[in-house]
Amino acid sequence: MFRLRVLFGVLAVAVFGGLLLGDDTKKTDAPAKHTLPQGWKAIGLSDEQKKKIYAIEDEYEPKITALKKQIETLQGEEMLPRNPQTRLAA
């Protein structure tokens, strides 16, 4: 009987502890943090110049990501046989 009580106690703690810890309702929709490339802070850019750099990053980052995915898919497909000369010999 003692083991049964201990088992129920452990299960209750696990269930209620999981409910308390598992449901974070914080929103993580924070804007993307921009960083300058290494060494650019030493140049002494104005705030306006930094905003222009960040705008360019925002514009081209999705395009770069899409192109990287396209490269990965093309590299995954075999465009040529592993040994191109076997294809030419046939």
PDB file of N, CA and C in Angstrom:
ATOM      1  N   MET A   1       0.815  -1.185   0.000  1.00  0.00           N
ATOM      2  CA  MET A   1       0.000   0.000   0.000  1.00  0.00           C
ATOM      3  C   MET A   1       0.865   1.259   0.000  1.00  0.00           C
ATOM      4  N   PHE A   2       1.997   1.198   0.700  1.00  0.00           N
ATOM      5  CA  PHE A   2       2.889   2.347   0.755  1.00  0.00           C
ATOM      6  C   PHE A   2       3.471   2.647  -0.627  1.00  0.00           C
ATOM      7  N   ARG A   3       3.825   1.594  -1.351  1.00  0.00           N
ATOM      8  CA  ARG A   3       4.376   1.774  -2.697  1.00  0.00           C
ATOM      9  C   ARG A   3       3.348   2.427  -3.625  1.00  0.00           C
ATOM     10  N   LEU A   4       2.113   2.070  -3.477  1.00  0.00           N
ATOM     11  CA  LEU A   4       1.056   2.641  -4.302  1.00  0.00           C
ATOM     12  C   LEU A   4       0.896   4.135  -4.030  1.00  0.00           C
ATOM     13  N   ARG A   5       0.965   4.535  -2.774  1.00  0.00           N
ATOM     14  CA  ARG A   5       0.877   5.947  -2.424  1.00  0.00           C
ATOM     15  C   ARG A   5       2.059   6.720  -2.996  1.00  0.00           C
ATOM     16  N   VAL A   6       3.240   6.150  -2.895  1.00  0.00           N
ATOM     17  CA  VAL A   6       4.442   6.809  -3.425  1.00  0.00           C
ATOM     18  C   VAL A   6       4.333   6.932  -4.944  1.00  0.00           C
ATOM     19  N   LEU A   7       3.860   5.893  -5.591  1.00  0.00           N
ATOM     20  CA  LEU A   7       3.702   5.920  -7.045  1.00  0.00           C
ATOM     21  C   LEU A   7       2.723   7.010  -7.471  1.00  0.00           C
ATOM     22  N   PHE A   8       1.583   7.117  -6.793  1.00  0.00           N
ATOM     23  CA  PHE A   8       0.620   8.168  -7.113  1.00  0.00           C
ATOM     24  C   PHE A   8       1.192   9.554  -6.832  1.00  0.00           C
ATOM     25  N   GLY A   9       1.955   9.684  -5.780  1.00  0.00           N
ATOM     26  CA  GLY A   9       2.581  10.964  -5.456  1.00  0.00           C
ATOM     27  C   GLY A   9       3.572  11.392  -6.532  1.00  0.00           C
ATOM     28  N   VAL A  10       4.386  10.457  -6.984  1.00  0.00           N
ATOM     29  CA  VAL A  10       5.365  10.755  -8.028  1.00  0.00           C
ATOM     30  C   VAL A  10       4.659  11.105  -9.334  1.00  0.00           C
ATOM     31  N   LEU A  11       3.628  10.363  -9.689  1.00  0.00           N
ATOM     32  CA  LEU A  11       2.878  10.652 -10.906  1.00  0.00           C
ATOM     33  C   LEU A  11       2.198  12.011 -10.830  1.00  0.00           C
ATOM     34  N   ALA A  12       1.643  12.354  -9.670  1.00  0.00           N
ATOM     35  CA  ALA A  12       0.979  13.650  -9.515  1.00  0.00           C
ATOM     36  C   ALA A  12       1.978  14.790  -9.687  1.00  0.00           C
ATOM     37  N   VAL A  13       3.147  14.645  -9.083  1.00  0.00           N
ATOM     38  CA  VAL A  13       4.181  15.680  -9.215  1.00  0.00           C
ATOM     39  C   VAL A  13       4.626  15.796 -10.661  1.00  0.00           C
ATOM     40  N   ALA A  14       4.788  14.675 -11.350  1.00  0.00           N
ATOM     41  CA  ALA A  14       5.228  14.698 -12.743  1.00  0.00           C
ATOM     42  C   ALA A  14       4.187  15.368 -13.637  1.00  0.00           C
ATOM     43  N   VAL A  15       2.922  15.054 -13.431  1.00  0.00           N
ATOM     44  CA  VAL A  15       1.863  15.619 -14.264  1.00  0.00           C
ATOM     45  C   VAL A  15       1.716  17.108 -14.008  1.00  0.00           C
ATOM     46  N   PHE A  16       1.602  17.498 -12.749  1.00  0.00           N
ATOM     47  CA  PHE A  16       1.401  18.916 -12.441  1.00  0.00           C
ATOM     48  C   PHE A  16       2.657  19.735 -12.725  1.00  0.00           C
ATOM     49  N   GLY A  17       3.804  19.162 -12.499  1.00  0.00           N
ATOM     50  CA  GLY A  17       5.051  19.862 -12.826  1.00  0.00           C
ATOM     51  C   GLY A  17       5.190  20.063 -14.330  1.00  0.00           C
ATOM     52  N   GLY A  18       4.798  19.068 -15.092  1.00  0.00           N
ATOM     53  CA  GLY A  18       4.843  19.191 -16.545  1.00  0.00           C
ATOM     54  C   GLY A  18       3.877  20.235 -17.057  1.00  0.00           C
ATOM     55  N   LEU A  19       2.717  20.330 -16.430  1.00  0.00           N
ATOM     56  CA  LEU A  19       1.746  21.343 -16.833  1.00  0.00           C
ATOM     57  C   LEU A  19       2.240  22.739 -16.512  1.00  0.00           C
ATOM     58  N   LEU A  20       2.890  22.894 -15.393  1.00  0.00           N
ATOM     59  CA  LEU A  20       3.388  24.212 -15.009  1.00  0.00           C
ATOM     60  C   LEU A  20       4.574  24.652 -15.854  1.00  0.00           C
ATOM     61  N   LEU A  21       5.439  23.724 -16.175  1.00  0.00           N
ATOM     62  CA  LEU A  21       6.650  24.076 -16.908  1.00  0.00           C
ATOM     63  C   LEU A  21       6.479  24.040 -18.420  1.00  0.00           C
ATOM     64  N   GLY A  22       5.529  23.292 -18.913  1.00  0.00           N
ATOM     65  CA  GLY A  22       5.432  23.064 -20.340  1.00  0.00           C
ATOM     66  C   GLY A  22       4.666  24.095 -21.134  1.00  0.00           C
ATOM     67  N   ASP A  23       3.922  24.977 -20.509  1.00  0.00           N
ATOM     68  CA  ASP A  23       3.049  25.888 -21.236  1.00  0.00           C
ATOM     69  C   ASP A  23       3.494  27.335 -21.069  1.00  0.00           C
ATOM     70  N   ASP A  24       4.499  27.733 -21.797  1.00  0.00           N
ATOM     71  CA  ASP A  24       4.922  29.124 -21.779  1.00  0.00           C
ATOM     72  C   ASP A  24       4.120  29.876 -22.826  1.00  0.00           C
ATOM     73  N   THR A  25       3.472  30.947 -22.420  1.00  0.00           N
ATOM     74  CA  THR A  25       2.651  31.711 -23.345  1.00  0.00           C
ATOM     75  C   THR A  25       3.350  32.976 -23.810  1.00  0.00           C
ATOM     76  N   LYS A  26       4.640  33.057 -23.634  1.00  0.00           N
ATOM     77  CA  LYS A  26       5.387  34.221 -24.092  1.00  0.00           C
ATOM     78  C   LYS A  26       5.462  34.200 -25.612  1.00  0.00           C
ATOM     79  N   LYS A  27       5.292  35.351 -26.195  1.00  0.00           N
ATOM     80  CA  LYS A  27       5.398  35.451 -27.639  1.00  0.00           C
ATOM     81  C   LYS A  27       6.835  35.791 -27.996  1.00  0.00           C
ATOM     82  N   THR A  28       7.356  35.105 -28.991  1.00  0.00           N
ATOM     83  CA  THR A  28       8.732  35.326 -29.410  1.00  0.00           C
ATOM     84  C   THR A  28       8.770  35.938 -30.800  1.00  0.00           C
ATOM     85  N   ASP A  29       7.864  36.871 -31.061  1.00  0.00           N
ATOM     86  CA  ASP A  29       7.821  37.523 -32.356  1.00  0.00           C
ATOM     87  C   ASP A  29       8.659  38.797 -32.348  1.00  0.00           C
ATOM     88  N   ALA A  30       9.822  38.702 -31.750  1.00  0.00           N
ATOM     89  CA  ALA A  30      10.707  39.863 -31.687  1.00  0.00           C
ATOM     90  C   ALA A  30      11.286  40.117 -33.073  1.00  0.00           C
ATOM     91  N   PRO A  31      11.513  41.360 -33.417  1.00  0.00           N
ATOM     92  CA  PRO A  31      12.107  41.651 -34.717  1.00  0.00           C
ATOM     93  C   PRO A  31      13.527  41.081 -34.803  1.00  0.00           C
ATOM     94  N   ALA A  32      13.927  40.804 -36.011  1.00  0.00           N
ATOM     95  CA  ALA A  32      15.248  40.228 -36.224  1.00  0.00           C
ATOM     96  C   ALA A  32      16.324  41.213 -35.784  1.00  0.00           C
ATOM     97  N   LYS A  33      17.313  40.686 -35.116  1.00  0.00           N
ATOM     98  CA  LYS A  33      18.403  41.527 -34.651  1.00  0.00           C
ATOM     99  C   LYS A  33      19.417  41.663 -35.779  1.00  0.00           C
ATOM    100  N   HIS A  34      19.706  42.875 -36.106  1.00  0.00           N
ATOM    101  CA  HIS A  34      20.665  43.125 -37.168  1.00  0.00           C
ATOM    102  C   HIS A  34      22.057  43.290 -36.575  1.00  0.00           C
ATOM    103  N   THR A  35      23.021  42.778 -37.294  1.00  0.00           N
ATOM    104  CA  THR A  35      24.407  42.977 -36.903  1.00  0.00           C
ATOM    105  C   THR A  35      25.198  43.399 -38.130  1.00  0.00           C
ATOM    106  N   LEU A  36      26.178  44.208 -37.887  1.00  0.00           N
ATOM    107  CA  LEU A  36      27.051  44.635 -38.973  1.00  0.00           C
ATOM    108  C   LEU A  36      28.140  43.588 -39.170  1.00  0.00           C
ATOM    109  N   PRO A  37      28.656  43.470 -40.385  1.00  0.00           N
ATOM    110  CA  PRO A  37      29.773  42.561 -40.605  1.00  0.00           C
ATOM    111  C   PRO A  37      30.979  42.948 -39.741  1.00  0.00           C
ATOM    112  N   GLN A  38      31.827  41.978 -39.523  1.00  0.00           N
ATOM    113  CA  GLN A  38      32.979  42.181 -38.658  1.00  0.00           C
ATOM    114  C   GLN A  38      33.861  43.327 -39.176  1.00  0.00           C
ATOM    115  N   GLY A  39      34.214  44.234 -38.298  1.00  0.00           N
ATOM    116  CA  GLY A  39      35.085  45.340 -38.643  1.00  0.00           C
ATOM    117  C   GLY A  39      34.368  46.587 -39.120  1.00  0.00           C
ATOM    118  N   TRP A  40      33.066  46.510 -39.353  1.00  0.00           N
ATOM    119  CA  TRP A  40      32.335  47.667 -39.877  1.00  0.00           C
ATOM    120  C   TRP A  40      32.046  48.702 -38.805  1.00  0.00           C
ATOM    121  N   LYS A  41      32.063  48.313 -37.545  1.00  0.00           N
ATOM    122  CA  LYS A  41      31.833  49.286 -36.481  1.00  0.00           C
ATOM    123  C   LYS A  41      32.998  50.270 -36.393  1.00  0.00           C
ATOM    124  N   ALA A  42      34.159  49.825 -36.769  1.00  0.00           N
ATOM    125  CA  ALA A  42      35.346  50.681 -36.715  1.00  0.00           C
ATOM    126  C   ALA A  42      35.285  51.785 -37.771  1.00  0.00           C
ATOM    127  N   ILE A  43      34.467  51.611 -38.796  1.00  0.00           N
ATOM    128  CA  ILE A  43      34.357  52.609 -39.856  1.00  0.00           C
ATOM    129  C   ILE A  43      33.668  53.866 -39.337  1.00  0.00           C
ATOM    130  N   GLY A  44      32.780  53.716 -38.364  1.00  0.00           N
ATOM    131  CA  GLY A  44      32.068  54.857 -37.822  1.00  0.00           C
ATOM    132  C   GLY A  44      30.875  55.255 -38.667  1.00  0.00           C
ATOM    133  N   LEU A  45      30.034  54.289 -38.995  1.00  0.00           N
ATOM    134  CA  LEU A  45      28.846  54.563 -39.806  1.00  0.00           C
ATOM    135  C   LEU A  45      27.816  55.348 -39.009  1.00  0.00           C
ATOM    136  N   SER A  46      27.104  56.207 -39.688  1.00  0.00           N
ATOM    137  CA  SER A  46      26.024  56.959 -39.046  1.00  0.00           C
ATOM    138  C   SER A  46      24.807  56.042 -38.896  1.00  0.00           C
ATOM    139  N   ASP A  47      23.853  56.489 -38.092  1.00  0.00           N
ATOM    140  CA  ASP A  47      22.633  55.699 -37.901  1.00  0.00           C
ATOM    141  C   ASP A  47      21.870  55.533 -39.210  1.00  0.00           C
ATOM    142  N   GLU A  48      21.876  56.548 -40.040  1.00  0.00           N
ATOM    143  CA  GLU A  48      21.190  56.468 -41.336  1.00  0.00           C
ATOM    144  C   GLU A  48      21.841  55.417 -42.236  1.00  0.00           C
ATOM    145  N   GLN A  49      23.163  55.376 -42.234  1.00  0.00           N
ATOM    146  CA  GLN A  49      23.868  54.388 -43.042  1.00  0.00           C
ATOM    147  C   GLN A  49      23.590  52.977 -42.535  1.00  0.00           C
ATOM    148  N   LYS A  50      23.549  52.814 -41.217  1.00  0.00           N
ATOM    149  CA  LYS A  50      23.240  51.507 -40.645  1.00  0.00           C
ATOM    150  C   LYS A  50      21.831  51.071 -41.030  1.00  0.00           C
ATOM    151  N   LYS A  51      20.874  52.007 -40.996  1.00  0.00           N
ATOM    152  CA  LYS A  51      19.499  51.674 -41.377  1.00  0.00           C
ATOM    153  C   LYS A  51      19.425  51.244 -42.834  1.00  0.00           C
ATOM    154  N   LYS A  52      20.213  51.875 -43.697  1.00  0.00           N
ATOM    155  CA  LYS A  52      20.236  51.485 -45.107  1.00  0.00           C
ATOM    156  C   LYS A  52      20.803  50.078 -45.266  1.00  0.00           C
ATOM    157  N   ILE A  53      21.848  49.787 -44.508  1.00  0.00           N
ATOM    158  CA  ILE A  53      22.447  48.443 -44.562  1.00  0.00           C
ATOM    159  C   ILE A  53      21.429  47.405 -44.102  1.00  0.00           C
ATOM    160  N   TYR A  54      20.725  47.694 -43.008  1.00  0.00           N
ATOM    161  CA  TYR A  54      19.732  46.763 -42.491  1.00  0.00           C
ATOM    162  C   TYR A  54      18.577  46.582 -43.482  1.00  0.00           C
ATOM    163  N   ALA A  55      18.202  47.650 -44.171  1.00  0.00           N
ATOM    164  CA  ALA A  55      17.134  47.541 -45.168  1.00  0.00           C
ATOM    165  C   ALA A  55      17.563  46.650 -46.328  1.00  0.00           C
ATOM    166  N   ILE A  56      18.813  46.783 -46.733  1.00  0.00           N
ATOM    167  CA  ILE A  56      19.329  45.930 -47.806  1.00  0.00           C
ATOM    168  C   ILE A  56      19.346  44.476 -47.355  1.00  0.00           C
ATOM    169  N   GLU A  57      19.780  44.234 -46.113  1.00  0.00           N
ATOM    170  CA  GLU A  57      19.766  42.870 -45.574  1.00  0.00           C
ATOM    171  C   GLU A  57      18.348  42.300 -45.570  1.00  0.00           C
ATOM    172  N   ASP A  58      17.381  43.117 -45.133  1.00  0.00           N
ATOM    173  CA  ASP A  58      15.992  42.663 -45.089  1.00  0.00           C
ATOM    174  C   ASP A  58      15.457  42.347 -46.479  1.00  0.00           C
ATOM    175  N   GLU A  59      15.908  43.093 -47.470  1.00  0.00           N
ATOM    176  CA  GLU A  59      15.431  42.884 -48.833  1.00  0.00           C
ATOM    177  C   GLU A  59      16.019  41.615 -49.449  1.00  0.00           C
ATOM    178  N   TYR A  60      17.304  41.400 -49.257  1.00  0.00           N
ATOM    179  CA  TYR A  60      17.971  40.320 -49.970  1.00  0.00           C
ATOM    180  C   TYR A  60      18.070  39.008 -49.194  1.00  0.00           C
ATOM    181  N   GLU A  61      17.867  39.025 -47.891  1.00  0.00           N
ATOM    182  CA  GLU A  61      17.988  37.798 -47.109  1.00  0.00           C
ATOM    183  C   GLU A  61      17.007  36.721 -47.564  1.00  0.00           C
ATOM    184  N   PRO A  62      15.719  37.025 -47.806  1.00  0.00           N
ATOM    185  CA  PRO A  62      14.814  35.969 -48.294  1.00  0.00           C
ATOM    186  C   PRO A  62      15.222  35.426 -49.663  1.00  0.00           C
ATOM    187  N   LYS A  63      15.726  36.304 -50.524  1.00  0.00           N
ATOM    188  CA  LYS A  63      16.162  35.853 -51.849  1.00  0.00           C
ATOM    189  C   LYS A  63      17.368  34.935 -51.737  1.00  0.00           C
ATOM    190  N   ILE A  64      18.297  35.280 -50.864  1.00  0.00           N
ATOM    191  CA  ILE A  64      19.493  34.457 -50.666  1.00  0.00           C
ATOM    192  C   ILE A  64      19.103  33.099 -50.087  1.00  0.00           C
ATOM    193  N   THR A  65      18.178  33.102 -49.131  1.00  0.00           N
ATOM    194  CA  THR A  65      17.724  31.850 -48.532  1.00  0.00           C
ATOM    195  C   THR A  65      17.064  30.952 -49.569  1.00  0.00           C
ATOM    196  N   ALA A  66      16.231  31.525 -50.423  1.00  0.00           N
ATOM    197  CA  ALA A  66      15.569  30.737 -51.464  1.00  0.00           C
ATOM    198  C   ALA A  66      16.582  30.155 -52.439  1.00  0.00           C
ATOM    199  N   LEU A  67      17.582  30.950 -52.805  1.00  0.00           N
ATOM    200  CA  LEU A  67      18.605  30.447 -53.723  1.00  0.00           C
ATOM    201  C   LEU A  67      19.447  29.349 -53.082  1.00  0.00           C
ATOM    202  N   LYS A  68      19.728  29.468 -51.785  1.00  0.00           N
ATOM    203  CA  LYS A  68      20.482  28.411 -51.100  1.00  0.00           C
ATOM    204  C   LYS A  68      19.697  27.110 -51.083  1.00  0.00           C
ATOM    205  N   LYS A  69      18.369  27.212 -50.852  1.00  0.00           N
ATOM    206  CA  LYS A  69      17.538  26.009 -50.888  1.00  0.00           C
ATOM    207  C   LYS A  69      17.532  25.393 -52.280  1.00  0.00           C
ATOM    208  N   GLN A  70      17.497  26.254 -53.302  1.00  0.00           N
ATOM    209  CA  GLN A  70      17.517  25.758 -54.671  1.00  0.00           C
ATOM    210  C   GLN A  70      18.841  25.058 -54.971  1.00  0.00           C
ATOM    211  N   ILE A  71      19.926  25.602 -54.484  1.00  0.00           N
ATOM    212  CA  ILE A  71      21.240  24.969 -54.669  1.00  0.00           C
ATOM    213  C   ILE A  71      21.260  23.603 -54.005  1.00  0.00           C
ATOM    214  N   GLU A  72      20.718  23.517 -52.770  1.00  0.00           N
ATOM    215  CA  GLU A  72      20.692  22.234 -52.065  1.00  0.00           C
ATOM    216  C   GLU A  72      19.882  21.192 -52.824  1.00  0.00           C
ATOM    217  N   THR A  73      18.737  21.594 -53.375  1.00  0.00           N
ATOM    218  CA  THR A  73      17.925  20.619 -54.108  1.00  0.00           C
ATOM    219  C   THR A  73      18.621  20.191 -55.393  1.00  0.00           C
ATOM    220  N   LEU A  74      19.286  21.128 -56.066  1.00  0.00           N
ATOM    221  CA  LEU A  74      19.988  20.757 -57.289  1.00  0.00           C
ATOM    222  C   LEU A  74      21.196  19.879 -56.991  1.00  0.00           C
ATOM    223  N   GLN A  75      21.854  20.124 -55.872  1.00  0.00           N
ATOM    224  CA  GLN A  75      22.983  19.272 -55.517  1.00  0.00           C
ATOM    225  C   GLN A  75      22.496  17.895 -55.101  1.00  0.00           C
ATOM    226  N   GLY A  76      21.286  17.817 -54.558  1.00  0.00           N
ATOM    227  CA  GLY A  76      20.724  16.535 -54.164  1.00  0.00           C
ATOM    228  C   GLY A  76      20.366  15.686 -55.370  1.00  0.00           C
ATOM    229  N   GLU A  77      19.908  16.322 -56.430  1.00  0.00           N
ATOM    230  CA  GLU A  77      19.607  15.590 -57.660  1.00  0.00           C
ATOM    231  C   GLU A  77      20.915  15.334 -58.399  1.00  0.00           C
ATOM    232  N   GLU A  78      20.963  14.235 -59.081  1.00  0.00           N
ATOM    233  CA  GLU A  78      22.160  13.978 -59.874  1.00  0.00           C
ATOM    234  C   GLU A  78      21.919  14.498 -61.274  1.00  0.00           C
ATOM    235  N   MET A  79      22.582  15.579 -61.586  1.00  0.00           N
ATOM    236  CA  MET A  79      22.445  16.162 -62.911  1.00  0.00           C
ATOM    237  C   MET A  79      23.252  15.345 -63.929  1.00  0.00           C
ATOM    238  N   LEU A  80      24.392  14.874 -63.507  1.00  0.00           N
ATOM    239  CA  LEU A  80      25.246  14.035 -64.334  1.00  0.00           C
ATOM    240  C   LEU A  80      25.562  12.768 -63.560  1.00  0.00           C
ATOM    241  N   PRO A  81      25.888  11.688 -64.284  1.00  0.00           N
ATOM    242  CA  PRO A  81      26.342  10.500 -63.567  1.00  0.00           C
ATOM    243  C   PRO A  81      27.623  10.825 -62.801  1.00  0.00           C
ATOM    244  N   ARG A  82      27.942  10.000 -61.834  1.00  0.00           N
ATOM    245  CA  ARG A  82      29.130  10.261 -61.026  1.00  0.00           C
ATOM    246  C   ARG A  82      30.396  10.307 -61.873  1.00  0.00           C
ATOM    247  N   ASN A  83      30.456   9.483 -62.891  1.00  0.00           N
ATOM    248  CA  ASN A  83      31.598   9.496 -63.787  1.00  0.00           C
ATOM    249  C   ASN A  83      31.086   9.929 -65.165  1.00  0.00           C
ATOM    250  N   PRO A  84      31.239  11.199 -65.527  1.00  0.00           N
ATOM    251  CA  PRO A  84      30.675  11.683 -66.786  1.00  0.00           C
ATOM    252  C   PRO A  84      31.232  10.964 -68.018  1.00  0.00           C
ATOM    253  N   GLN A  85      32.414  10.415 -67.928  1.00  0.00           N
ATOM    254  CA  GLN A  85      32.995   9.775 -69.088  1.00  0.00           C
ATOM    255  C   GLN A  85      32.282   8.477 -69.447  1.00  0.00           C
ATOM    256  N   THR A  86      31.663   7.815 -68.477  1.00  0.00           N
ATOM    257  CA  THR A  86      30.916   6.597 -68.793  1.00  0.00           C
ATOM    258  C   THR A  86      29.713   6.941 -69.653  1.00  0.00           C
ATOM    259  N   ARG A  87      29.130   8.085 -69.445  1.00  0.00           N
ATOM    260  CA  ARG A  87      28.002   8.516 -70.257  1.00  0.00           C
ATOM    261  C   ARG A  87      28.458   8.824 -71.676  1.00  0.00           C
ATOM    262  N   LEU A  88      29.622   9.442 -71.802  1.00  0.00           N
ATOM    263  CA  LEU A  88      30.127   9.801 -73.131  1.00  0.00           C
ATOM    264  C   LEU A  88      30.579   8.575 -73.909  1.00  0.00           C
ATOM    265  N   ALA A  89      31.065   7.552 -73.229  1.00  0.00           N
ATOM    266  CA  ALA A  89      31.550   6.362 -73.907  1.00  0.00           C
ATOM    267  C   ALA A  89      30.420   5.530 -74.469  1.00  0.00           C
ATOM    268  N   ALA A  90      29.248   5.624 -73.919  1.00  0.00           N
ATOM    269  CA  ALA A  90      28.129   4.790 -74.347  1.00  0.00           C
ATOM    270  C   ALA A  90      27.533   5.207 -75.644  1.00  0.00           C
TER     271      ALA A  90
END
